[in-house]
C-alpha cells in the first residue's frame, strides 16, 4: 500500500490534465513528445505526484524509444513493479512506491549492468538539477 493517498479530486487539483491522465489513470504520452526523452541535464528525477526520488541522470540512456529510459532506479524501494496484462500483452508496470503513481513500464532489454530498461513517461517526472 502506498504511503501517500489522496482522492481523485485532490490529485486533479494538484496535477495538470496530462499528468493526471498518465499518473493516476495509467495513460501514456506520445513517443518523442515529453520534456525529458532527450534531456542530458544532470540531476535527480522525482515523482510528479509526491516528489519522491526515483532515478538519477547517470542511469539515463538513449533507448531510441522516445521516452526517458533508465537502467536502474535510485534504490530498490523507490519504484515497485506490477503485472500489466492490458492491451493483450504481458508487460511490467512501474509505479512510485510512495504514492502508487503510474510511471511507465520496465523491460528486460536494457544495457548493463542491470539489463533493464525503465521506460518512463516524462510527465510523471520532475527533474531536480544537481547543485
C-alpha atoms as a PDB file:
ATOM      1  CA  UNK A   1       0.000   0.000   0.000  1.00  0.00           C
ATOM      2  CA  UNK A   2       1.232   3.478  -0.860  1.00  0.00           C
ATOM      3  CA  UNK A   3       2.231   5.842   1.930  1.00  0.00           C
ATOM      4  CA  UNK A   4       0.527   8.816   0.249  1.00  0.00           C
ATOM      5  CA  UNK A   5      -3.160   8.523  -0.567  1.00  0.00           C
ATOM      6  CA  UNK A   6      -5.420  11.242  -1.951  1.00  0.00           C
ATOM      7  CA  UNK A   7      -8.849  11.380  -3.521  1.00  0.00           C
ATOM      8  CA  UNK A   8      -9.251  11.764  -7.268  1.00  0.00           C
ATOM      9  CA  UNK A   9     -10.319  15.385  -6.735  1.00  0.00           C
ATOM     10  CA  UNK A  10      -7.210  16.107  -4.661  1.00  0.00           C
ATOM     11  CA  UNK A  11      -4.962  14.655  -7.390  1.00  0.00           C
ATOM     12  CA  UNK A  12      -6.851  16.574 -10.110  1.00  0.00           C
ATOM     13  CA  UNK A  13      -6.358  19.851  -8.254  1.00  0.00           C
ATOM     14  CA  UNK A  14      -2.616  19.180  -7.885  1.00  0.00           C
ATOM     15  CA  UNK A  15      -1.761  17.829 -11.358  1.00  0.00           C
ATOM     16  CA  UNK A  16      -2.070  19.032 -14.935  1.00  0.00           C
ATOM     17  CA  UNK A  17      -4.645  17.149 -17.015  1.00  0.00           C
ATOM     18  CA  UNK A  18      -1.818  15.320 -18.828  1.00  0.00           C
ATOM     19  CA  UNK A  19      -0.099  14.342 -15.562  1.00  0.00           C
ATOM     20  CA  UNK A  20      -3.405  13.172 -14.077  1.00  0.00           C
ATOM     21  CA  UNK A  21      -4.143  11.045 -17.152  1.00  0.00           C
ATOM     22  CA  UNK A  22      -0.742   9.340 -17.040  1.00  0.00           C
ATOM     23  CA  UNK A  23      -0.008   9.173 -13.322  1.00  0.00           C
ATOM     24  CA  UNK A  24      -3.432   8.400 -11.893  1.00  0.00           C
ATOM     25  CA  UNK A  25      -5.232   6.797 -14.869  1.00  0.00           C
ATOM     26  CA  UNK A  26      -2.293   4.787 -16.298  1.00  0.00           C
ATOM     27  CA  UNK A  27      -2.192   6.684 -19.575  1.00  0.00           C
ATOM     28  CA  UNK A  28       0.872   7.328 -21.702  1.00  0.00           C
ATOM     29  CA  UNK A  29       2.320  10.269 -23.552  1.00  0.00           C
ATOM     30  CA  UNK A  30       3.211  10.073 -27.232  1.00  0.00           C
ATOM     31  CA  UNK A  31       6.747   8.963 -28.027  1.00  0.00           C
ATOM     32  CA  UNK A  32       9.221  11.818 -28.605  1.00  0.00           C
ATOM     33  CA  UNK A  33       6.782  14.342 -27.089  1.00  0.00           C
ATOM     34  CA  UNK A  34       7.795  14.511 -23.436  1.00  0.00           C
ATOM     35  CA  UNK A  35      10.105  17.032 -21.834  1.00  0.00           C
ATOM     36  CA  UNK A  36      12.808  14.561 -20.802  1.00  0.00           C
ATOM     37  CA  UNK A  37      13.053  11.957 -23.581  1.00  0.00           C
ATOM     38  CA  UNK A  38      16.257  13.509 -24.952  1.00  0.00           C
ATOM     39  CA  UNK A  39      17.361  15.590 -21.961  1.00  0.00           C
ATOM     40  CA  UNK A  40      21.004  15.358 -20.948  1.00  0.00           C
ATOM     41  CA  UNK A  41      20.653  17.557 -17.863  1.00  0.00           C
ATOM     42  CA  UNK A  42      22.157  16.173 -14.677  1.00  0.00           C
ATOM     43  CA  UNK A  43      20.110  15.688 -11.553  1.00  0.00           C
ATOM     44  CA  UNK A  44      17.548  13.540  -9.829  1.00  0.00           C
ATOM     45  CA  UNK A  45      14.256  12.629 -11.457  1.00  0.00           C
ATOM     46  CA  UNK A  46      11.467  12.811  -8.877  1.00  0.00           C
ATOM     47  CA  UNK A  47       7.814  11.749  -8.880  1.00  0.00           C
ATOM     48  CA  UNK A  48       5.493  14.467 -10.222  1.00  0.00           C
ATOM     49  CA  UNK A  49       2.821  13.459  -7.710  1.00  0.00           C
ATOM     50  CA  UNK A  50       4.736  13.247  -4.447  1.00  0.00           C
ATOM     51  CA  UNK A  51       8.329  14.382  -5.057  1.00  0.00           C
ATOM     52  CA  UNK A  52       9.925  11.043  -4.153  1.00  0.00           C
ATOM     53  CA  UNK A  53      13.352  10.490  -5.715  1.00  0.00           C
ATOM     54  CA  UNK A  54      13.115   7.847  -8.440  1.00  0.00           C
ATOM     55  CA  UNK A  55      16.026   7.928 -10.930  1.00  0.00           C
ATOM     56  CA  UNK A  56      19.446   9.609 -11.242  1.00  0.00           C
ATOM     57  CA  UNK A  57      20.543  11.157 -14.513  1.00  0.00           C
ATOM     58  CA  UNK A  58      23.662   8.978 -14.582  1.00  0.00           C
ATOM     59  CA  UNK A  59      21.421   5.918 -15.126  1.00  0.00           C
ATOM     60  CA  UNK A  60      19.573   7.529 -18.072  1.00  0.00           C
ATOM     61  CA  UNK A  61      20.339   6.288 -21.580  1.00  0.00           C
ATOM     62  CA  UNK A  62      19.013   6.770 -25.119  1.00  0.00           C
ATOM     63  CA  UNK A  63      16.877   3.729 -25.821  1.00  0.00           C
ATOM     64  CA  UNK A  64      15.617   5.095 -29.139  1.00  0.00           C
ATOM     65  CA  UNK A  65      12.021   4.661 -27.969  1.00  0.00           C
ATOM     66  CA  UNK A  66      11.114   8.326 -27.477  1.00  0.00           C
ATOM     67  CA  UNK A  67      10.619   8.043 -23.729  1.00  0.00           C
ATOM     68  CA  UNK A  68      13.162   8.707 -20.980  1.00  0.00           C
ATOM     69  CA  UNK A  69      14.855   5.401 -20.180  1.00  0.00           C
ATOM     70  CA  UNK A  70      16.925   4.355 -17.179  1.00  0.00           C
ATOM     71  CA  UNK A  71      18.799   1.152 -16.378  1.00  0.00           C
ATOM     72  CA  UNK A  72      18.199   1.411 -12.617  1.00  0.00           C
ATOM     73  CA  UNK A  73      16.005   3.133 -10.062  1.00  0.00           C
ATOM     74  CA  UNK A  74      17.670   5.339  -7.453  1.00  0.00           C
ATOM     75  CA  UNK A  75      17.290   2.492  -4.913  1.00  0.00           C
ATOM     76  CA  UNK A  76      15.459  -0.809  -4.551  1.00  0.00           C
ATOM     77  CA  UNK A  77      12.474   0.711  -2.728  1.00  0.00           C
ATOM     78  CA  UNK A  78      11.859   3.797  -4.923  1.00  0.00           C
ATOM     79  CA  UNK A  79       9.722   2.048  -7.517  1.00  0.00           C
ATOM     80  CA  UNK A  80       7.528  -1.029  -7.471  1.00  0.00           C
ATOM     81  CA  UNK A  81       6.744  -3.391 -10.316  1.00  0.00           C
ATOM     82  CA  UNK A  82       3.275  -4.762 -11.071  1.00  0.00           C
ATOM     83  CA  UNK A  83       1.990  -7.187 -13.683  1.00  0.00           C
ATOM     84  CA  UNK A  84       0.200  -5.385 -16.531  1.00  0.00           C
ATOM     85  CA  UNK A  85      -1.797  -7.583 -18.888  1.00  0.00           C
ATOM     86  CA  UNK A  86      -3.676  -4.792 -20.676  1.00  0.00           C
ATOM     87  CA  UNK A  87      -3.541  -4.265 -24.442  1.00  0.00           C
ATOM     88  CA  UNK A  88      -3.427  -8.055 -24.976  1.00  0.00           C
ATOM     89  CA  UNK A  89       0.215  -8.422 -23.924  1.00  0.00           C
ATOM     90  CA  UNK A  90       2.254  -9.072 -20.803  1.00  0.00           C
ATOM     91  CA  UNK A  91       4.218  -6.104 -19.522  1.00  0.00           C
ATOM     92  CA  UNK A  92       5.541  -4.946 -16.169  1.00  0.00           C
ATOM     93  CA  UNK A  93       4.212  -1.627 -14.923  1.00  0.00           C
ATOM     94  CA  UNK A  94       6.452   0.646 -12.845  1.00  0.00           C
ATOM     95  CA  UNK A  95       4.866   2.772 -10.101  1.00  0.00           C
ATOM     96  CA  UNK A  96       6.179   5.147  -7.452  1.00  0.00           C
ATOM     97  CA  UNK A  97       6.271   3.154  -4.228  1.00  0.00           C
ATOM     98  CA  UNK A  98       5.379   6.211  -2.121  1.00  0.00           C
ATOM     99  CA  UNK A  99       2.172   7.255  -3.918  1.00  0.00           C
ATOM    100  CA  UNK A 100       1.382   4.470  -6.432  1.00  0.00           C
ATOM    101  CA  UNK A 101       1.734   6.877  -9.368  1.00  0.00           C
ATOM    102  CA  UNK A 102       1.978   5.167 -12.761  1.00  0.00           C
ATOM    103  CA  UNK A 103       5.396   5.935 -14.231  1.00  0.00           C
ATOM    104  CA  UNK A 104       5.694   3.616 -17.222  1.00  0.00           C
ATOM    105  CA  UNK A 105       6.981   0.079 -17.804  1.00  0.00           C
ATOM    106  CA  UNK A 106      10.189  -1.904 -17.357  1.00  0.00           C
ATOM    107  CA  UNK A 107      11.586  -4.271 -19.982  1.00  0.00           C
ATOM    108  CA  UNK A 108      14.434  -6.843 -19.898  1.00  0.00           C
ATOM    109  CA  UNK A 109      16.306  -5.330 -22.862  1.00  0.00           C
ATOM    110  CA  UNK A 110      18.348  -2.584 -21.205  1.00  0.00           C
ATOM    111  CA  UNK A 111      22.102  -2.093 -21.018  1.00  0.00           C
ATOM    112  CA  UNK A 112      24.484  -3.457 -18.378  1.00  0.00           C
ATOM    113  CA  UNK A 113      24.817  -3.581 -15.514  1.00  0.00           C
ATOM    114  CA  UNK A 114      21.108  -4.297 -14.853  1.00  0.00           C
ATOM    115  CA  UNK A 115      19.866  -5.352 -18.284  1.00  0.00           C
ATOM    116  CA  UNK A 116      16.674  -3.417 -17.509  1.00  0.00           C
ATOM    117  CA  UNK A 117      15.043  -0.589 -19.444  1.00  0.00           C
ATOM    118  CA  UNK A 118      12.751   1.524 -17.276  1.00  0.00           C
ATOM    119  CA  UNK A 119      10.701   3.302 -19.970  1.00  0.00           C
ATOM    120  CA  UNK A 120       9.124   6.246 -18.141  1.00  0.00           C
ATOM    121  CA  UNK A 121       6.666   8.995 -19.122  1.00  0.00           C
ATOM    122  CA  UNK A 122       8.225  12.468 -18.858  1.00  0.00           C
ATOM    123  CA  UNK A 123       5.030  13.907 -17.387  1.00  0.00           C
ATOM    124  CA  UNK A 124       5.356  11.567 -14.401  1.00  0.00           C
ATOM    125  CA  UNK A 125       8.780  13.071 -13.581  1.00  0.00           C
ATOM    126  CA  UNK A 126      10.244  16.348 -12.373  1.00  0.00           C
ATOM    127  CA  UNK A 127      13.983  16.915 -12.726  1.00  0.00           C
ATOM    128  CA  UNK A 128      15.716  18.343  -9.685  1.00  0.00           C
ATOM    129  CA  UNK A 129      19.066  19.631 -11.018  1.00  0.00           C
ATOM    130  CA  UNK A 130      22.260  18.825  -9.150  1.00  0.00           C
ATOM    131  CA  UNK A 131      23.545  21.830  -7.222  1.00  0.00           C
END
